[in-house]
Protein backbone atom coordinates (compact mmCIF):
# COMPACT_ATOMS: atom_id res chain seq x y z
CA UNK A 1 -11.89 22.37 -40.25
CA UNK A 2 -14.62 24.21 -39.10
CA UNK A 3 -15.55 21.53 -35.92
CA UNK A 4 -11.45 21.79 -35.28
CA UNK A 5 -11.76 25.95 -34.89
CA UNK A 6 -15.03 25.49 -32.71
CA UNK A 7 -13.08 22.71 -30.72
CA UNK A 8 -9.95 25.24 -30.18
CA UNK A 9 -12.45 28.04 -29.07
CA UNK A 10 -14.17 26.00 -26.54
CA UNK A 11 -10.94 24.44 -25.29
CA UNK A 12 -9.56 27.88 -24.81
CA UNK A 13 -13.03 29.34 -23.41
CA UNK A 14 -12.56 26.32 -20.66
CA UNK A 15 -9.39 27.02 -19.67
CA UNK A 16 -10.03 30.70 -19.12
CA UNK A 17 -13.03 29.60 -16.81
CA UNK A 18 -10.27 27.50 -15.08
CA UNK A 19 -7.99 30.50 -14.47
CA UNK A 20 -10.85 32.74 -13.48
CA UNK A 21 -11.59 29.80 -11.04
CA UNK A 22 -8.03 29.80 -9.61
CA UNK A 23 -7.62 33.52 -9.28
CA UNK A 24 -11.08 33.70 -7.19
CA UNK A 25 -9.67 31.17 -4.97
CA UNK A 26 -6.25 33.12 -4.43
CA UNK A 27 -8.26 36.59 -3.75
CA UNK A 28 -10.36 34.43 -1.28
CA UNK A 29 -7.10 33.09 0.33
CA UNK A 30 -6.03 36.26 0.86
CA UNK A 31 -8.90 37.60 2.09
CA UNK A 32 -8.97 34.78 4.50
CA UNK A 33 -5.12 35.09 5.54
CA UNK A 34 -5.94 39.10 6.01
CA UNK A 35 -8.95 38.17 8.24
CA UNK A 36 -7.18 35.84 10.09
CA UNK A 37 -4.37 38.49 10.76
CA UNK A 38 -7.11 40.80 11.44
CA UNK A 39 -8.41 38.74 14.10
CA UNK A 40 -4.86 37.73 15.55
CA UNK A 41 -4.18 41.68 15.69
CA UNK A 42 -7.65 42.25 17.31
CA UNK A 43 -6.90 39.34 19.93
CA UNK A 44 -3.59 41.43 20.72
CA UNK A 45 -5.12 44.46 21.21
CA UNK A 46 -7.54 42.82 23.95
CA UNK A 47 -4.53 41.70 25.56
CA UNK A 48 -2.92 45.03 25.32
CA UNK A 49 -5.81 47.26 26.54
CA UNK A 50 -6.85 44.61 29.37
CA UNK A 51 -3.04 45.13 30.53
CA UNK A 52 -3.49 48.76 30.28
CA UNK A 53 -6.36 49.02 32.38
CA UNK A 54 -5.13 46.63 34.97
CA UNK A 55 -1.90 48.96 35.31
CA UNK A 56 -4.22 52.09 35.53
CA UNK A 57 -6.25 50.14 38.27
CA UNK A 58 -3.54 49.32 40.29
CA UNK A 59 -1.64 52.58 39.77
CA UNK A 60 -0.89 54.43 42.87
CA UNK A 61 -0.26 57.78 41.94
CA UNK A 62 2.66 57.41 39.15
CA UNK A 63 3.59 54.09 40.05
CA UNK A 64 2.69 50.45 40.05
CA UNK A 65 3.87 47.60 42.52
CA UNK A 66 5.91 44.71 40.27
CA UNK A 67 4.72 42.01 42.67
CA UNK A 68 1.11 42.92 42.04
CA UNK A 69 1.81 43.20 37.97
CA UNK A 70 3.70 39.98 38.01
CA UNK A 71 0.50 37.70 38.78
CA UNK A 72 -1.50 39.48 35.98
CA UNK A 73 1.16 38.68 33.27
CA UNK A 74 1.55 34.95 34.55
CA UNK A 75 -2.25 34.56 34.51
CA UNK A 76 -2.02 35.74 30.66
CA UNK A 77 0.12 33.47 29.44
CA UNK A 78 -0.63 30.26 31.39
CA UNK A 79 -2.67 27.61 30.14
CA UNK A 80 -6.22 27.55 30.16
CA UNK A 81 -8.83 25.66 32.10
CA UNK A 82 -8.83 22.98 29.29
CA UNK A 83 -4.88 22.53 29.77
CA UNK A 84 -4.42 23.97 26.51
CA UNK A 85 -1.65 26.48 26.02
CA UNK A 86 -2.23 30.09 25.92
CA UNK A 87 -1.59 31.88 22.66
CA UNK A 88 -0.03 34.34 24.43
CA UNK A 89 3.61 32.97 24.45
CA UNK A 90 5.27 36.15 26.07
CA UNK A 91 4.89 39.62 27.63
CA UNK A 92 7.34 42.28 28.10
CA UNK A 93 6.89 45.68 29.54
CA UNK A 94 10.03 48.07 28.22
CA UNK A 95 11.42 51.03 29.79
CA UNK A 96 12.90 54.13 27.50
CA UNK A 97 16.18 51.93 26.63
CA UNK A 98 14.14 49.34 25.26
CA UNK A 99 15.23 46.62 28.32
CA UNK A 100 12.64 44.73 29.90
CA UNK A 101 11.10 45.98 33.34
CA UNK A 102 8.74 43.34 33.66
CA UNK A 103 8.55 40.19 31.52
CA UNK A 104 6.72 36.94 31.78
CA UNK A 105 6.81 33.57 29.56
CA UNK A 106 9.33 32.31 27.34
CA UNK A 107 11.31 35.58 26.22
CA UNK A 108 13.79 33.19 24.22
CA UNK A 109 11.42 33.96 21.40
CA UNK A 110 12.02 37.86 21.56
CA UNK A 111 14.87 38.74 19.62
CA UNK A 112 16.36 41.93 19.75
CA UNK A 113 16.04 42.80 16.10
CA UNK A 114 12.18 42.44 16.58
CA UNK A 115 11.86 44.77 19.66
CA UNK A 116 11.01 47.64 16.90
CA UNK A 117 7.80 49.21 16.32
CA UNK A 118 5.15 47.69 14.64
CA UNK A 119 4.59 43.81 14.21
CA UNK A 120 7.09 41.09 13.31
CA UNK A 121 5.93 37.76 11.83
CA UNK A 122 7.94 34.62 12.49
CA UNK A 123 7.33 30.81 11.59
CA UNK A 124 6.00 30.34 14.88
CA UNK A 125 5.53 33.41 16.95
CA UNK A 126 4.18 37.01 15.72
CA UNK A 127 5.57 39.80 18.13
CA UNK A 128 3.55 43.22 18.50
CA UNK A 129 5.64 46.02 19.55
CA UNK A 130 3.27 48.95 20.67
CA UNK A 131 3.27 51.79 22.98
CA UNK A 132 1.63 51.31 26.22
CA UNK A 133 0.23 54.63 27.22
CA UNK A 134 1.82 57.17 25.16
CA UNK A 135 4.13 58.29 28.30
CA UNK A 136 6.73 60.65 28.66
CA UNK A 137 8.86 62.27 31.43
CA UNK A 138 5.84 64.53 32.47
CA UNK A 139 3.55 61.54 32.54
CA UNK A 140 5.12 58.81 33.35
CA UNK A 141 4.37 55.34 35.58
CA UNK A 142 7.39 53.61 37.41
CA UNK A 143 7.29 50.10 38.18
CA UNK A 144 8.22 49.98 41.82
CA UNK A 145 10.52 46.94 43.08
CA UNK A 146 9.16 44.24 45.21
CA UNK A 147 7.87 45.33 48.70
CA UNK A 148 10.24 43.36 50.46
CA UNK A 149 13.29 45.32 48.79
CA UNK A 150 11.47 48.55 48.87
CA UNK A 151 11.89 49.51 52.82
CA UNK A 152 12.25 52.63 54.55
CA UNK A 153 15.97 52.06 54.71
CA UNK A 154 16.47 51.02 51.16
CA UNK A 155 14.62 54.22 50.24
CA UNK A 156 16.47 56.49 52.39
CA UNK A 157 19.64 54.91 51.52
CA UNK A 158 19.36 55.11 47.62
CA UNK A 159 17.21 58.25 47.47
CA UNK A 160 18.11 60.47 50.58
CA UNK A 161 15.64 63.51 51.78
CA UNK A 162 16.74 67.18 51.20
CA UNK A 163 19.39 68.45 53.84
CA UNK A 164 17.64 69.32 57.06
CA UNK A 165 18.01 69.93 60.77
CA UNK A 166 16.18 68.44 63.65
CA UNK A 167 14.42 70.85 66.47
CA UNK A 168 15.02 68.51 69.21
CA UNK A 169 12.69 70.31 71.83
CA UNK A 170 9.52 69.71 69.65
CA UNK A 171 10.79 66.59 67.81
CA UNK A 172 10.72 67.84 64.19
CA UNK A 173 12.54 68.60 61.12
CA UNK A 174 13.29 72.46 59.90
CA UNK A 175 14.98 73.55 56.75
CA UNK A 176 17.58 76.53 57.00
CA UNK A 177 14.63 78.95 57.35
CA UNK A 178 13.00 77.30 60.10
CA UNK A 179 9.90 75.84 58.28
CA UNK A 180 8.73 72.45 59.30
CA UNK A 181 9.42 70.13 56.31
CA UNK A 182 8.69 66.79 58.03
CA UNK A 183 6.17 66.21 61.29
CA UNK A 184 6.70 63.22 63.33
CA UNK A 185 5.35 60.46 61.66
CA UNK A 186 5.02 56.90 62.33
CA UNK A 187 7.27 54.59 60.19
CA UNK A 188 5.13 52.91 57.34
CA UNK A 189 4.34 49.22 57.80
CA UNK A 190 6.46 46.95 55.92
CA UNK A 191 4.56 45.79 52.38
CA UNK A 192 2.77 49.67 52.15
CA UNK A 193 3.73 52.30 49.91
CA UNK A 194 5.77 54.93 51.72
CA UNK A 195 4.05 58.17 52.60
CA UNK A 196 5.36 60.86 50.76
CA UNK A 197 6.79 64.17 52.51
CA UNK A 198 4.76 66.96 53.06
CA UNK A 199 6.29 69.74 51.20
CA UNK A 200 4.06 72.28 52.68
CA UNK A 201 2.42 72.99 49.05
CA UNK A 202 -1.03 73.57 48.10
CA UNK A 203 -3.11 70.57 48.71
CA UNK A 204 -4.87 69.45 45.46
CA UNK A 205 -8.02 67.26 44.94
CA UNK A 206 -8.65 64.83 48.20
CA UNK A 207 -6.37 67.06 50.23
CA UNK A 208 -2.97 65.46 48.70
CA UNK A 209 -0.40 67.81 47.94
CA UNK A 210 1.99 68.39 45.16
CA UNK A 211 -0.67 67.08 42.86
CA UNK A 212 0.27 63.28 43.63
CA UNK A 213 -3.00 61.84 42.13
CA UNK A 214 -3.62 58.82 39.95
CA UNK A 215 -2.83 59.80 36.52
CA UNK A 216 -0.75 62.95 37.29
CA UNK A 217 2.42 63.70 35.96
CA UNK A 218 5.85 64.30 37.05
CA UNK A 219 7.95 62.42 39.44
CA UNK A 220 6.75 60.42 42.59
CA UNK A 221 7.12 62.38 45.73
CA UNK A 222 9.36 60.17 47.33
CA UNK A 223 11.75 60.66 44.84
CA UNK A 224 12.00 64.36 45.30
CA UNK A 225 15.21 64.10 47.01
CA UNK A 226 16.82 62.84 43.65
CA UNK A 227 18.79 65.30 41.61
CA UNK A 228 17.63 65.84 38.02
CA UNK A 229 20.34 63.53 36.55
CA UNK A 230 19.54 60.46 39.44
CA UNK A 231 15.74 60.97 38.65
CA UNK A 232 16.62 60.44 34.92
CA UNK A 233 18.61 57.30 35.26
CA UNK A 234 16.21 55.89 37.54
CA UNK A 235 13.24 57.04 34.97
CA UNK A 236 15.30 55.05 32.17
CA UNK A 237 15.37 52.01 34.30
CA UNK A 238 12.10 51.93 35.67
CA UNK A 239 9.62 53.86 33.56
CA UNK A 240 7.18 52.04 31.33
CA UNK A 241 7.32 53.13 27.57
CA UNK A 242 6.69 50.15 25.92
CA UNK A 243 4.70 46.66 25.54
CA UNK A 244 5.72 43.63 23.72
CA UNK A 245 3.19 40.74 23.15
CA UNK A 246 4.62 37.48 21.30
CA UNK A 247 1.71 35.68 20.28
CA UNK A 248 1.45 31.87 18.92
CA UNK A 249 0.98 31.78 15.16
CA UNK A 250 -0.24 28.27 15.41
CA UNK A 251 -4.49 29.00 15.16
CA UNK A 252 -3.55 31.35 12.52
CA UNK A 253 -1.16 28.32 10.30
CA UNK A 254 -4.03 26.22 11.29
CA UNK A 255 -6.45 28.53 9.67
CA UNK A 256 -4.62 29.39 6.43
CA UNK A 257 -3.20 25.50 5.73
CA UNK A 258 -7.16 24.37 6.17
CA UNK A 259 -8.05 26.85 3.96
CA UNK A 260 -5.05 26.37 1.49
CA UNK A 261 -6.61 22.64 1.45
CA UNK A 262 -9.91 23.81 0.65
CA UNK A 263 -8.67 26.08 -2.12
CA UNK A 264 -6.84 23.38 -3.72
CA UNK A 265 -9.54 21.17 -3.63
CA UNK A 266 -11.98 23.49 -5.25
CA UNK A 267 -9.37 24.21 -7.99
CA UNK A 268 -8.80 20.42 -8.58
CA UNK A 269 -12.31 19.65 -8.87
CA UNK A 270 -12.74 22.88 -11.18
CA UNK A 271 -9.94 21.28 -13.10
CA UNK A 272 -11.42 17.81 -13.21
CA UNK A 273 -14.66 19.81 -14.14
CA UNK A 274 -13.19 21.70 -16.94
CA UNK A 275 -11.05 18.50 -18.28
CA UNK A 276 -14.49 16.62 -17.90
CA UNK A 277 -16.54 19.20 -20.37
CA UNK A 278 -13.36 19.05 -22.72
CA UNK A 279 -13.48 15.39 -23.14
CA UNK A 280 -17.24 15.52 -23.31
CA UNK A 281 -16.76 18.27 -25.88
CA UNK A 282 -14.01 15.96 -27.78
CA UNK A 283 -16.47 13.19 -27.68
CA UNK A 284 -19.11 15.25 -29.29
CA UNK A 285 -16.87 16.46 -32.37
CA UNK A 286 -15.49 12.58 -32.54
CA UNK A 287 -19.29 11.39 -32.75
CA UNK A 288 -20.15 14.19 -35.20
CA UNK A 289 -17.05 13.03 -37.00
CA UNK A 290 -18.24 9.64 -36.85
CA UNK A 291 -21.53 10.36 -37.92
CA UNK A 292 -20.21 12.19 -41.10
CA UNK A 293 -17.96 9.13 -42.00
CA UNK A 294 -20.96 6.82 -41.72
CA UNK A 295 -22.98 8.84 -43.83
CA UNK A 296 -20.17 8.48 -46.61
CA UNK A 297 -19.82 5.16 -45.79
CA UNK A 298 -23.37 4.28 -46.33
CA UNK A 299 -23.33 6.30 -49.48
CA UNK A 300 -20.30 4.23 -50.69
CA UNK A 301 -21.74 0.91 -49.44
CA UNK A 302 -24.92 1.66 -51.37
CA UNK A 303 -22.83 2.40 -54.79
CA UNK A 304 -20.73 -0.72 -53.74
CA UNK A 305 -24.07 -2.47 -53.61
CA UNK A 306 -25.66 -1.28 -56.90
CA UNK A 307 -22.14 -2.02 -58.62
CA UNK A 308 -22.07 -5.50 -56.83
CA UNK A 309 -25.71 -6.07 -58.23
CA UNK A 310 -24.40 -4.80 -61.71
CA UNK A 311 -21.24 -6.84 -61.95
CA UNK A 312 -23.56 -10.07 -60.72
CA UNK A 313 -25.77 -9.48 -63.47
CA UNK A 314 -23.46 -8.89 -66.14
CA UNK A 315 -21.63 -12.24 -65.08
CA UNK A 316 -24.71 -13.93 -65.10
CA UNK A 317 -25.41 -12.92 -68.74
CA UNK A 318 -22.00 -13.29 -69.56
CA UNK A 319 -22.56 -17.48 -68.66
CA UNK A 320 -25.24 -17.60 -71.74
CA UNK A 321 -22.67 -16.96 -74.62
CA UNK A 322 -20.18 -18.70 -72.81
CA UNK A 323 -22.46 -21.80 -72.78
CA UNK A 324 -23.28 -20.86 -76.65
CA UNK A 325 -19.66 -20.88 -77.10
CA UNK A 326 -19.18 -24.16 -75.50
CA UNK A 327 -22.10 -26.10 -77.13
CA UNK A 328 -20.68 -24.99 -80.69
CA UNK A 329 -17.50 -25.93 -79.94
CA UNK A 330 -18.88 -29.49 -78.84
CA UNK A 331 -20.74 -29.57 -81.90
CA UNK A 332 -17.71 -28.84 -84.25
CA UNK A 333 -15.93 -31.90 -82.50
CA UNK A 334 -18.23 -34.49 -83.28
CA UNK A 335 -18.73 -33.70 -86.94
CA UNK A 336 -18.11 -36.50 -89.05
CA UNK A 337 -15.69 -34.39 -90.95
CA UNK A 338 -14.22 -32.75 -88.37
CA UNK A 339 -10.35 -33.22 -88.61
CA UNK A 340 -8.06 -33.88 -85.88
CA UNK A 341 -6.99 -30.26 -85.50
CA UNK A 342 -10.71 -29.25 -85.01
CA UNK A 343 -11.20 -31.69 -82.74
CA UNK A 344 -8.16 -30.58 -80.07
CA UNK A 345 -9.13 -26.74 -80.93
CA UNK A 346 -12.83 -27.22 -80.06
CA UNK A 347 -11.57 -29.14 -76.49
CA UNK A 348 -9.48 -26.29 -75.71
CA UNK A 349 -12.35 -23.89 -76.11
CA UNK A 350 -14.69 -26.14 -73.93
CA UNK A 351 -11.92 -26.32 -71.32
CA UNK A 352 -10.95 -22.61 -71.57
CA UNK A 353 -15.09 -21.77 -71.19
CA UNK A 354 -15.66 -23.99 -68.68
CA UNK A 355 -12.72 -22.08 -66.29
CA UNK A 356 -14.17 -18.80 -67.44
CA UNK A 357 -17.76 -20.22 -66.37
CA UNK A 358 -16.61 -21.87 -63.03
CA UNK A 359 -14.74 -18.03 -62.37
CA UNK A 360 -18.26 -16.50 -63.11
CA UNK A 361 -20.01 -18.86 -60.86
CA UNK A 362 -17.66 -18.02 -57.87
CA UNK A 363 -17.87 -14.31 -58.49
CA UNK A 364 -21.94 -14.60 -58.39
CA UNK A 365 -21.76 -16.79 -55.50
CA UNK A 366 -19.18 -14.08 -53.58
CA UNK A 367 -21.59 -11.09 -54.37
CA UNK A 368 -24.94 -12.92 -53.62
CA UNK A 369 -26.13 -11.34 -50.29
CA UNK A 370 -25.85 -13.76 -47.19
CA UNK A 371 -29.10 -14.31 -45.59
CA UNK A 372 -28.79 -16.42 -42.80
CA UNK A 373 -31.66 -18.95 -41.63
CA UNK A 374 -30.56 -20.99 -38.59
CA UNK A 375 -31.26 -24.61 -38.12
CA UNK A 376 -29.74 -27.13 -35.28
CA UNK A 377 -26.92 -28.78 -37.26
CA UNK A 378 -24.88 -31.68 -36.20
CA UNK A 379 -21.35 -31.02 -37.00
CA UNK A 380 -20.16 -34.62 -37.64
CA UNK A 381 -23.25 -35.50 -40.22
CA UNK A 382 -22.55 -32.13 -42.26
CA UNK A 383 -18.92 -33.15 -42.35
CA UNK A 384 -20.02 -36.91 -43.63
CA UNK A 385 -21.94 -35.21 -46.68
CA UNK A 386 -19.45 -32.98 -47.58
CA UNK A 387 -16.92 -35.51 -47.80
CA UNK A 388 -19.38 -37.74 -49.62
CA UNK A 389 -19.38 -34.52 -52.26
CA UNK A 390 -15.55 -34.61 -52.60
CA UNK A 391 -14.96 -38.28 -52.62
CA UNK A 392 -13.94 -38.43 -56.30
CA UNK A 393 -11.22 -35.55 -55.79
CA UNK A 394 -10.06 -37.05 -52.60
CA UNK A 395 -9.46 -40.57 -54.29
CA UNK A 396 -8.09 -39.06 -57.29
CA UNK A 397 -5.34 -37.57 -55.14
CA UNK A 398 -5.37 -40.73 -52.78
CA UNK A 399 -5.77 -38.39 -49.61
CA UNK A 400 -7.25 -39.48 -46.42
CA UNK A 401 -9.97 -37.62 -44.65
CA UNK A 402 -10.67 -38.50 -40.81
CA UNK A 403 -13.50 -36.75 -38.77
CA UNK A 404 -13.07 -36.92 -35.01
CA UNK A 405 -13.95 -34.91 -31.83
CA UNK A 406 -17.13 -34.50 -30.18
CA UNK A 407 -20.60 -34.83 -31.30
CA UNK A 408 -21.81 -31.23 -31.21
CA UNK A 409 -25.21 -29.44 -32.74
CA UNK A 410 -24.74 -25.76 -33.36
CA UNK A 411 -27.17 -23.04 -34.91
CA UNK A 412 -25.98 -22.46 -38.62
CA UNK A 413 -27.70 -21.82 -41.89
CA UNK A 414 -27.43 -25.68 -43.20
CA UNK A 415 -26.75 -24.39 -47.02
CA UNK A 416 -23.99 -21.94 -46.25
CA UNK A 417 -22.51 -24.08 -43.62
CA UNK A 418 -22.00 -27.07 -46.20
CA UNK A 419 -20.87 -24.31 -48.68
CA UNK A 420 -18.10 -23.35 -46.35
CA UNK A 421 -16.79 -26.52 -44.87
CA UNK A 422 -16.67 -27.76 -48.77
CA UNK A 423 -14.37 -24.70 -49.47
CA UNK A 424 -12.24 -25.41 -46.72
CA UNK A 425 -11.60 -29.22 -47.33
CA UNK A 426 -11.63 -28.48 -51.27
CA UNK A 427 -8.77 -25.91 -50.57
CA UNK A 428 -7.11 -28.54 -48.24
CA UNK A 429 -7.41 -31.14 -51.03
CA UNK A 430 -5.73 -28.65 -53.65
CA UNK A 431 -2.88 -28.09 -51.47
CA UNK A 432 -1.82 -31.61 -50.42
CA UNK A 433 0.43 -33.89 -52.29
CA UNK A 434 -0.64 -37.22 -53.06
CA UNK A 435 -0.91 -39.40 -50.01
CA UNK A 436 -1.61 -36.57 -47.82
CA UNK A 437 -3.81 -36.42 -44.67
CA UNK A 438 -6.89 -34.12 -43.49
CA UNK A 439 -8.48 -34.09 -40.32
CA UNK A 440 -11.91 -32.35 -39.58
CA UNK A 441 -12.04 -31.87 -35.91
CA UNK A 442 -14.93 -30.93 -33.81
CA UNK A 443 -15.09 -29.67 -30.38
CA UNK A 444 -16.92 -27.62 -27.52
CA UNK A 445 -15.90 -25.02 -24.69
CA UNK A 446 -18.54 -24.32 -22.42
CA UNK A 447 -21.53 -22.69 -24.72
CA UNK A 448 -19.52 -22.66 -27.81
CA UNK A 449 -18.44 -25.15 -30.25
CA UNK A 450 -15.30 -24.80 -32.81
CA UNK A 451 -14.52 -26.48 -36.02
CA UNK A 452 -10.93 -26.89 -37.65
CA UNK A 453 -9.85 -28.18 -40.72
CA UNK A 454 -6.20 -29.67 -40.34
CA UNK A 455 -3.78 -30.89 -43.13
CA UNK A 456 -0.02 -31.84 -43.36
CA UNK A 457 0.63 -29.94 -46.46
CA UNK A 458 3.03 -27.21 -47.18
CA UNK A 459 1.32 -24.56 -45.08
CA UNK A 460 0.93 -20.99 -45.15
CA UNK A 461 3.57 -18.65 -44.64
CA UNK A 462 2.93 -16.14 -41.54
CA UNK A 463 2.97 -13.24 -43.81
CA UNK A 464 0.21 -14.73 -45.80
CA UNK A 465 -2.21 -15.95 -42.98
CA UNK A 466 -4.33 -12.94 -43.23
CA UNK A 467 -3.94 -12.24 -47.28
CA UNK A 468 -5.34 -15.35 -48.34
CA UNK A 469 -8.94 -14.46 -47.11
CA UNK A 470 -9.11 -11.50 -49.73
CA UNK A 471 -10.47 -11.72 -52.87
CA UNK A 472 -8.46 -13.27 -56.29
CA UNK A 473 -5.44 -13.76 -53.64
CA UNK A 474 -4.73 -17.56 -53.96
CA UNK A 475 -1.32 -19.67 -53.65
CA UNK A 476 -2.50 -22.63 -56.26
CA UNK A 477 -2.19 -22.07 -59.88
CA UNK A 478 -5.65 -23.57 -60.69
CA UNK A 479 -7.31 -21.32 -57.75
CA UNK A 480 -9.65 -18.65 -58.64
CA UNK A 481 -8.76 -16.81 -55.21
CA UNK A 482 -12.44 -16.52 -54.19
CA UNK A 483 -13.03 -19.87 -52.26
CA UNK A 484 -11.50 -18.40 -48.61
CA UNK A 485 -13.21 -15.10 -49.46
CA UNK A 486 -16.31 -16.83 -49.68
CA UNK A 487 -15.72 -18.58 -46.58
CA UNK A 488 -14.55 -15.60 -44.13
CA UNK A 489 -18.23 -14.05 -45.66
CA UNK A 490 -20.06 -16.93 -44.29
CA UNK A 491 -18.44 -17.36 -41.49
CA UNK A 492 -18.89 -13.24 -40.44
CA UNK A 493 -22.18 -13.40 -41.44
CA UNK A 494 -22.86 -16.11 -38.42
CA UNK A 495 -20.94 -13.94 -35.93
CA UNK A 496 -18.25 -16.47 -35.91
CA UNK A 497 -14.23 -15.81 -35.89
CA UNK A 498 -12.17 -17.66 -38.58
CA UNK A 499 -8.10 -17.96 -38.25
CA UNK A 500 -5.43 -19.61 -40.14
CA UNK A 501 -2.53 -21.56 -37.98
CA UNK A 502 0.18 -23.59 -38.23
CA UNK A 503 -0.14 -27.44 -37.72
CA UNK A 504 2.88 -28.75 -36.04
CA UNK A 505 4.96 -30.22 -37.55
CA UNK A 506 3.83 -29.28 -40.75
CA UNK A 507 0.72 -27.87 -42.59
CA UNK A 508 -2.08 -25.48 -42.04
CA UNK A 509 -5.26 -25.18 -39.75
CA UNK A 510 -8.38 -23.36 -40.14
CA UNK A 511 -10.05 -22.71 -36.63
CA UNK A 512 -13.74 -21.82 -36.70
CA UNK A 513 -14.65 -20.70 -33.29
CA UNK A 514 -17.57 -19.13 -31.19
CA UNK A 515 -20.17 -21.41 -32.96
CA UNK A 516 -23.50 -21.40 -30.78
CA UNK A 517 -24.39 -24.83 -29.38
CA UNK A 518 -27.87 -25.98 -28.99
CA UNK A 519 -29.50 -28.70 -26.85
C-alpha cells in the first residue's frame, strides 16, 4: 500500500514537471513572437525614418516633387539584389482625407478598414499606419504633381495671380496703389520649380522673402493667389498627413512556425522523458514487488521442502509396519490348521498391503529430489531395455510394441530417463484394450531430438490433457495418479518439454521435445 501511494506521488510529481516544461515553452514562444513582432516594427520604423528623411531632403520650401519621390518608393518595394521579393509590399502617402497622394506596390492588400491609426495584422500582411511628420496647415508639405503637368500656363490657369495693372512704358505690373508687384522676369525653364512672386515683404534668411525656407510653415508662395477656401481644398488633396506601410509577414511566420516546431519537439521529448521515468519507476515498483514475492515464495518453498521430507520419512517409516502386516498375513495363511476362510482373508490383507506399499513407493519416488547426471544415452537402446522390463505386462494383454525412427544419442540421466520412459509405456499398456499397439518413435530436428510414445487406445479428452500431469489425477481404476506427475518432474529437471496430443485416427501421443543431441 505504501508503495502504491509512493508511486502515485511520483507520477503526480513527473506530471507537474511536464506541465512546467509546457508552460515554460509557451512562455518562450510568446517571448520569441513578441521579439519577432518588435523586430518587424523596428524594420517598419527604419523604412518610415528613411522615407521621412528622403522627403525632408527633397523638400523645396514646403513642397516635394512627385516624380522625384516615386523612384524612391519603387526602390523600396522592388526585389533585392538576390532576386528575392522585398518584405515591403506597398507604400502609401495619405492626405488629410485619408486618400492616397502617392503610392507604390501592391496596394490591393490595403483595405479601407485598416487605414486607421496603429497596426493591423493580417494572415500574410501587416499594415502600419503612422503620421509622417506631425503636419498641419501651418506646417505643411505638399506633393507637387509631375513636372510635365506643372507649367506656367497650368499654374496661371489653375492658380491666378492677384489682380494687377501693367505699366506699358516700364514693362512692370503694379497694384492699385502703384506699387511694383512683379518685376520683369524670365520665364522658368520647364522642369524647374517656378519662382515665387516678390511680394515686397521683408526678406528672411538667405535673402528669401515671405519666410519660404525649408521646413517653413504656411502655404507655398506660388499659391498665394488662392483664396482661403481654394487653398484648403488644394491642401486636402495634396498635403501629406499620413504614411501607410504594408509589410509581408512571411519571414515573421517562418520564425513563428520554426519556433513552434522547436517547442513542440521539446515538449514531446520532455513527455517521452517523463513517460520513461514513469515506466522506470513502475519497473522498480514491480521489481520490488516481485522480490517480496520471491522471498515469500522462497520461504514457502523451504517450508514445503521440509514438509516433503517429513512426508517422505513418514511414508518410508510406514512401509516397515506394512511389511510386517504382510508377512504375518502370509504366515497365517500357511499354517496347517488354517481354514479356507482364514486363508482368503489373509490373501486380501496381502493384496491391500501391496497396494498401499505401491502408493507409498510412488509417493517417495515423486517427493525425491531430482539430481541430474547427464551422460550420452542412445534412445533406441534405452527403449529396448524398457520393453524387456515390461514384456510380461505386454504379453498378458497381447499388446504389440514397435520402436522406430532415427538412432539418436542425447544427453540425459540414464536412470531417470528409463524411469520416465517406463512410466509412459506402462501408462499406454494400462490404457489399451487387449490387442492394442504402441509405437516408440525417435527423431531429430537440427541440433535437438524428440521422443514420442503413441498408442491406439481411447485417448485423452482435450480438457484433461493438462490435468493428467497433476499428482493423483488418473483415468485408470488401478492407477495411483503419480506416474505422469513423475514423468513431468523428470522432463522439467532435464529442461525438456512434454505435451499430450491426439493420435489420428484414435489414441494419444506423448511427445517430449528439446532433447540435446550429442555426437
